[in-house]
PDB file of all heavy atoms in Angstrom:
ATOM      1  N   ILE A   1     -15.302  -4.870   8.340  1.00  0.00           N
ATOM      2  CA  ILE A   1     -15.176  -3.714   9.217  1.00  0.00           C
ATOM      3  C   ILE A   1     -16.074  -2.613   8.683  1.00  0.00           C
ATOM      4  O   ILE A   1     -15.972  -2.232   7.514  1.00  0.00           O
ATOM      5  CB  ILE A   1     -13.721  -3.213   9.274  1.00  0.00           C
ATOM      6  CG1 ILE A   1     -12.811  -4.284   9.890  1.00  0.00           C
ATOM      7  CG2 ILE A   1     -13.617  -1.911  10.076  1.00  0.00           C
ATOM      8  CD1 ILE A   1     -11.323  -3.951   9.816  1.00  0.00           C
ATOM      9  N   GLY A   2     -16.975  -2.109   9.522  1.00  0.00           N
ATOM     10  CA  GLY A   2     -17.879  -1.029   9.123  1.00  0.00           C
ATOM     11  C   GLY A   2     -17.796   0.126  10.104  1.00  0.00           C
ATOM     12  O   GLY A   2     -17.527  -0.080  11.293  1.00  0.00           O
ATOM     13  N   ALA A   3     -17.988   1.340   9.602  1.00  0.00           N
ATOM     14  CA  ALA A   3     -17.954   2.530  10.464  1.00  0.00           C
ATOM     15  C   ALA A   3     -18.726   3.646   9.774  1.00  0.00           C
ATOM     16  O   ALA A   3     -18.722   3.754   8.554  1.00  0.00           O
ATOM     17  CB  ALA A   3     -16.514   2.962  10.715  1.00  0.00           C
ATOM     18  N   VAL A   4     -19.370   4.491  10.593  1.00  0.00           N
ATOM     19  CA  VAL A   4     -20.171   5.571  10.014  1.00  0.00           C
ATOM     20  C   VAL A   4     -19.874   6.893  10.713  1.00  0.00           C
ATOM     21  O   VAL A   4     -19.635   6.935  11.922  1.00  0.00           O
ATOM     22  CB  VAL A   4     -21.686   5.235  10.080  1.00  0.00           C
ATOM     23  CG1 VAL A   4     -22.188   5.136  11.517  1.00  0.00           C
ATOM     24  CG2 VAL A   4     -22.500   6.247   9.286  1.00  0.00           C
ATOM     25  N   CYS A   5     -19.846   7.980   9.943  1.00  0.00           N
ATOM     26  CA  CYS A   5     -19.706   9.354  10.404  1.00  0.00           C
ATOM     27  C   CYS A   5     -18.361   9.572  11.103  1.00  0.00           C
ATOM     28  O   CYS A   5     -17.323   9.575  10.467  1.00  0.00           O
ATOM     29  CB  CYS A   5     -20.896   9.742  11.265  1.00  0.00           C
ATOM     30  SG  CYS A   5     -21.081  11.525  11.467  1.00  0.00           S
ATOM     31  N   HIS A   6     -18.332   9.738  12.417  1.00  0.00           N
ATOM     32  CA  HIS A   6     -17.068   9.851  13.134  1.00  0.00           C
ATOM     33  C   HIS A   6     -16.522   8.487  13.560  1.00  0.00           C
ATOM     34  O   HIS A   6     -15.415   8.406  14.093  1.00  0.00           O
ATOM     35  CB  HIS A   6     -17.212  10.746  14.363  1.00  0.00           C
ATOM     36  CG  HIS A   6     -17.348  12.205  14.045  1.00  0.00           C
ATOM     37  ND1 HIS A   6     -18.574  12.808  13.880  1.00  0.00           N
ATOM     38  CD2 HIS A   6     -16.420  13.176  13.837  1.00  0.00           C
ATOM     39  CE1 HIS A   6     -18.393  14.096  13.593  1.00  0.00           C
ATOM     40  NE2 HIS A   6     -17.096  14.339  13.566  1.00  0.00           N
ATOM     41  N   GLY A   7     -17.275   7.431  13.334  1.00  0.00           N
ATOM     42  CA  GLY A   7     -16.790   6.090  13.673  1.00  0.00           C
ATOM     43  C   GLY A   7     -15.461   5.745  13.025  1.00  0.00           C
ATOM     44  O   GLY A   7     -14.614   5.086  13.645  1.00  0.00           O
ATOM     45  N   PRO A   8     -15.218   6.184  11.759  1.00  0.00           N
ATOM     46  CA  PRO A   8     -13.921   5.902  11.139  1.00  0.00           C
ATOM     47  C   PRO A   8     -12.733   6.511  11.862  1.00  0.00           C
ATOM     48  O   PRO A   8     -11.586   6.214  11.498  1.00  0.00           O
ATOM     49  CB  PRO A   8     -14.082   6.489   9.722  1.00  0.00           C
ATOM     50  CG  PRO A   8     -15.552   6.353   9.432  1.00  0.00           C
ATOM     51  CD  PRO A   8     -16.201   6.673  10.757  1.00  0.00           C
ATOM     52  N   SER A   9     -12.966   7.338  12.886  1.00  0.00           N
ATOM     53  CA  SER A   9     -11.847   7.810  13.710  1.00  0.00           C
ATOM     54  C   SER A   9     -11.112   6.622  14.320  1.00  0.00           C
ATOM     55  O   SER A   9      -9.919   6.706  14.618  1.00  0.00           O
ATOM     56  CB  SER A   9     -12.344   8.748  14.817  1.00  0.00           C
ATOM     57  OG  SER A   9     -13.248   8.071  15.682  1.00  0.00           O
ATOM     58  N   GLY A  10     -11.822   5.514  14.520  1.00  0.00           N
ATOM     59  CA  GLY A  10     -11.181   4.318  15.051  1.00  0.00           C
ATOM     60  C   GLY A  10     -10.230   3.654  14.077  1.00  0.00           C
ATOM     61  O   GLY A  10      -9.426   2.808  14.469  1.00  0.00           O
ATOM     62  N   LEU A  11     -10.323   4.021  12.798  1.00  0.00           N
ATOM     63  CA  LEU A  11      -9.510   3.381  11.770  1.00  0.00           C
ATOM     64  C   LEU A  11      -8.203   4.103  11.481  1.00  0.00           C
ATOM     65  O   LEU A  11      -7.300   3.536  10.875  1.00  0.00           O
ATOM     66  CB  LEU A  11     -10.313   3.286  10.462  1.00  0.00           C
ATOM     67  CG  LEU A  11     -11.716   2.671  10.529  1.00  0.00           C
ATOM     68  CD1 LEU A  11     -12.350   2.678   9.142  1.00  0.00           C
ATOM     69  CD2 LEU A  11     -11.681   1.269  11.109  1.00  0.00           C
ATOM     70  N   VAL A  12      -8.095   5.370  11.893  1.00  0.00           N
ATOM     71  CA  VAL A  12      -6.995   6.202  11.387  1.00  0.00           C
ATOM     72  C   VAL A  12      -5.612   5.693  11.810  1.00  0.00           C
ATOM     73  O   VAL A  12      -4.646   5.892  11.073  1.00  0.00           O
ATOM     74  CB  VAL A  12      -7.164   7.689  11.790  1.00  0.00           C
ATOM     75  CG1 VAL A  12      -8.422   8.274  11.185  1.00  0.00           C
ATOM     76  CG2 VAL A  12      -7.155   7.869  13.294  1.00  0.00           C
ATOM     77  N   ASN A  13      -5.514   5.040  12.961  1.00  0.00           N
ATOM     78  CA  ASN A  13      -4.210   4.564  13.424  1.00  0.00           C
ATOM     79  C   ASN A  13      -4.061   3.051  13.359  1.00  0.00           C
ATOM     80  O   ASN A  13      -3.059   2.506  13.835  1.00  0.00           O
ATOM     81  CB  ASN A  13      -3.943   5.045  14.849  1.00  0.00           C
ATOM     82  CG  ASN A  13      -3.695   6.543  14.906  1.00  0.00           C
ATOM     83  OD1 ASN A  13      -3.175   7.121  13.962  1.00  0.00           O
ATOM     84  ND2 ASN A  13      -4.085   7.171  16.008  1.00  0.00           N
ATOM     85  N   VAL A  14      -5.041   2.369  12.753  1.00  0.00           N
ATOM     86  CA  VAL A  14      -4.962   0.910  12.642  1.00  0.00           C
ATOM     87  C   VAL A  14      -4.027   0.539  11.497  1.00  0.00           C
ATOM     88  O   VAL A  14      -4.101   1.110  10.410  1.00  0.00           O
ATOM     89  CB  VAL A  14      -6.348   0.295  12.391  1.00  0.00           C
ATOM     90  CG1 VAL A  14      -6.243  -1.221  12.239  1.00  0.00           C
ATOM     91  CG2 VAL A  14      -7.295   0.631  13.541  1.00  0.00           C
ATOM     92  N   THR A  15      -3.154  -0.419  11.765  1.00  0.00           N
ATOM     93  CA  THR A  15      -2.279  -0.936  10.721  1.00  0.00           C
ATOM     94  C   THR A  15      -2.397  -2.455  10.655  1.00  0.00           C
ATOM     95  O   THR A  15      -2.834  -3.098  11.617  1.00  0.00           O
ATOM     96  CB  THR A  15      -0.805  -0.588  10.976  1.00  0.00           C
ATOM     97  OG1 THR A  15      -0.365  -1.273  12.167  1.00  0.00           O
ATOM     98  CG2 THR A  15      -0.603   0.916  11.136  1.00  0.00           C
ATOM     99  N   TYR A  16      -1.982  -2.987   9.521  1.00  0.00           N
ATOM    100  CA  TYR A  16      -1.748  -4.424   9.456  1.00  0.00           C
ATOM    101  C   TYR A  16      -0.474  -4.717  10.245  1.00  0.00           C
ATOM    102  O   TYR A  16       0.270  -3.810  10.625  1.00  0.00           O
ATOM    103  CB  TYR A  16      -1.604  -4.873   8.002  1.00  0.00           C
ATOM    104  CG  TYR A  16      -2.894  -4.804   7.218  1.00  0.00           C
ATOM    105  CD1 TYR A  16      -3.228  -3.667   6.482  1.00  0.00           C
ATOM    106  CD2 TYR A  16      -3.782  -5.884   7.221  1.00  0.00           C
ATOM    107  CE1 TYR A  16      -4.413  -3.603   5.760  1.00  0.00           C
ATOM    108  CE2 TYR A  16      -4.975  -5.832   6.508  1.00  0.00           C
ATOM    109  CZ  TYR A  16      -5.282  -4.685   5.789  1.00  0.00           C
ATOM    110  OH  TYR A  16      -6.467  -4.627   5.090  1.00  0.00           O
ATOM    111  N   LYS A  17      -0.191  -5.990  10.459  1.00  0.00           N
ATOM    112  CA  LYS A  17       0.967  -6.342  11.279  1.00  0.00           C
ATOM    113  C   LYS A  17       2.275  -5.885  10.654  1.00  0.00           C
ATOM    114  O   LYS A  17       3.276  -5.703  11.359  1.00  0.00           O
ATOM    115  CB  LYS A  17       0.983  -7.853  11.543  1.00  0.00           C
ATOM    116  CG  LYS A  17      -0.138  -8.275  12.500  1.00  0.00           C
ATOM    117  CD  LYS A  17      -0.169  -9.763  12.744  1.00  0.00           C
ATOM    118  CE  LYS A  17      -1.307 -10.128  13.682  1.00  0.00           C
ATOM    119  NZ  LYS A  17      -1.447 -11.589  13.860  1.00  0.00           N
ATOM    120  N   ASP A  18       2.283  -5.683   9.335  1.00  0.00           N
ATOM    121  CA  ASP A  18       3.508  -5.220   8.683  1.00  0.00           C
ATOM    122  C   ASP A  18       3.656  -3.704   8.718  1.00  0.00           C
ATOM    123  O   ASP A  18       4.602  -3.146   8.151  1.00  0.00           O
ATOM    124  CB  ASP A  18       3.578  -5.726   7.243  1.00  0.00           C
ATOM    125  CG  ASP A  18       2.507  -5.116   6.342  1.00  0.00           C
ATOM    126  OD1 ASP A  18       1.728  -4.243   6.805  1.00  0.00           O
ATOM    127  OD2 ASP A  18       2.449  -5.507   5.158  1.00  0.00           O
ATOM    128  N   GLY A  19       2.704  -3.016   9.403  1.00  0.00           N
ATOM    129  CA  GLY A  19       2.786  -1.572   9.549  1.00  0.00           C
ATOM    130  C   GLY A  19       2.028  -0.769   8.506  1.00  0.00           C
ATOM    131  O   GLY A  19       1.924   0.462   8.616  1.00  0.00           O
ATOM    132  N   THR A  20       1.463  -1.433   7.496  1.00  0.00           N
ATOM    133  CA  THR A  20       0.683  -0.728   6.476  1.00  0.00           C
ATOM    134  C   THR A  20      -0.616  -0.212   7.070  1.00  0.00           C
ATOM    135  O   THR A  20      -1.349  -0.984   7.700  1.00  0.00           O
ATOM    136  CB  THR A  20       0.356  -1.669   5.300  1.00  0.00           C
ATOM    137  OG1 THR A  20       1.559  -2.195   4.770  1.00  0.00           O
ATOM    138  CG2 THR A  20      -0.411  -0.926   4.214  1.00  0.00           C
ATOM    139  N   PRO A  21      -0.939   1.065   6.892  1.00  0.00           N
ATOM    140  CA  PRO A  21      -2.209   1.571   7.411  1.00  0.00           C
ATOM    141  C   PRO A  21      -3.392   0.803   6.821  1.00  0.00           C
ATOM    142  O   PRO A  21      -3.389   0.471   5.614  1.00  0.00           O
ATOM    143  CB  PRO A  21      -2.228   3.030   6.947  1.00  0.00           C
ATOM    144  CG  PRO A  21      -0.779   3.399   6.799  1.00  0.00           C
ATOM    145  CD  PRO A  21      -0.116   2.150   6.291  1.00  0.00           C
ATOM    146  N   LEU A  22      -4.360   0.512   7.642  1.00  0.00           N
ATOM    147  CA  LEU A  22      -5.552  -0.213   7.205  1.00  0.00           C
ATOM    148  C   LEU A  22      -6.213   0.455   6.004  1.00  0.00           C
ATOM    149  O   LEU A  22      -6.670  -0.213   5.068  1.00  0.00           O
ATOM    150  CB  LEU A  22      -6.555  -0.305   8.364  1.00  0.00           C
ATOM    151  CG  LEU A  22      -7.974  -0.785   8.015  1.00  0.00           C
ATOM    152  CD1 LEU A  22      -7.954  -2.222   7.530  1.00  0.00           C
ATOM    153  CD2 LEU A  22      -8.898  -0.630   9.211  1.00  0.00           C
ATOM    154  N   VAL A  23      -6.270   1.789   6.023  1.00  0.00           N
ATOM    155  CA  VAL A  23      -7.035   2.498   4.994  1.00  0.00           C
ATOM    156  C   VAL A  23      -6.199   2.834   3.758  1.00  0.00           C
ATOM    157  O   VAL A  23      -6.731   3.374   2.783  1.00  0.00           O
ATOM    158  CB  VAL A  23      -7.653   3.806   5.556  1.00  0.00           C
ATOM    159  CG1 VAL A  23      -8.615   3.487   6.692  1.00  0.00           C
ATOM    160  CG2 VAL A  23      -6.569   4.789   6.022  1.00  0.00           C
ATOM    161  N   LYS A  24      -4.909   2.523   3.765  1.00  0.00           N
ATOM    162  CA  LYS A  24      -4.065   2.891   2.629  1.00  0.00           C
ATOM    163  C   LYS A  24      -4.559   2.233   1.343  1.00  0.00           C
ATOM    164  O   LYS A  24      -4.722   1.011   1.269  1.00  0.00           O
ATOM    165  CB  LYS A  24      -2.613   2.483   2.888  1.00  0.00           C
ATOM    166  CG  LYS A  24      -1.667   2.947   1.791  1.00  0.00           C
ATOM    167  CD  LYS A  24      -0.220   2.589   2.106  1.00  0.00           C
ATOM    168  CE  LYS A  24       0.707   3.100   1.009  1.00  0.00           C
ATOM    169  NZ  LYS A  24       2.120   2.767   1.312  1.00  0.00           N
ATOM    170  N   GLY A  25      -4.823   3.068   0.340  1.00  0.00           N
ATOM    171  CA  GLY A  25      -5.291   2.552  -0.939  1.00  0.00           C
ATOM    172  C   GLY A  25      -6.745   2.133  -0.966  1.00  0.00           C
ATOM    173  O   GLY A  25      -7.250   1.681  -1.999  1.00  0.00           O
ATOM    174  N   LYS A  26      -7.442   2.290   0.159  1.00  0.00           N
ATOM    175  CA  LYS A  26      -8.860   1.893   0.235  1.00  0.00           C
ATOM    176  C   LYS A  26      -9.756   3.102  -0.011  1.00  0.00           C
ATOM    177  O   LYS A  26      -9.444   4.217   0.399  1.00  0.00           O
ATOM    178  CB  LYS A  26      -9.177   1.317   1.619  1.00  0.00           C
ATOM    179  CG  LYS A  26      -8.333   0.117   2.021  1.00  0.00           C
ATOM    180  CD  LYS A  26      -8.790  -1.135   1.316  1.00  0.00           C
ATOM    181  CE  LYS A  26      -7.949  -2.335   1.725  1.00  0.00           C
ATOM    182  NZ  LYS A  26      -8.010  -2.620   3.162  1.00  0.00           N
TER     183      LYS A  26
END
């Protein structure tokens, strides 16, 4: 998964299926 500048806005609400935010700890 890649994103640049404001592109990471797409990541802020993404979670794994268990509810953990995609970006947590990253």
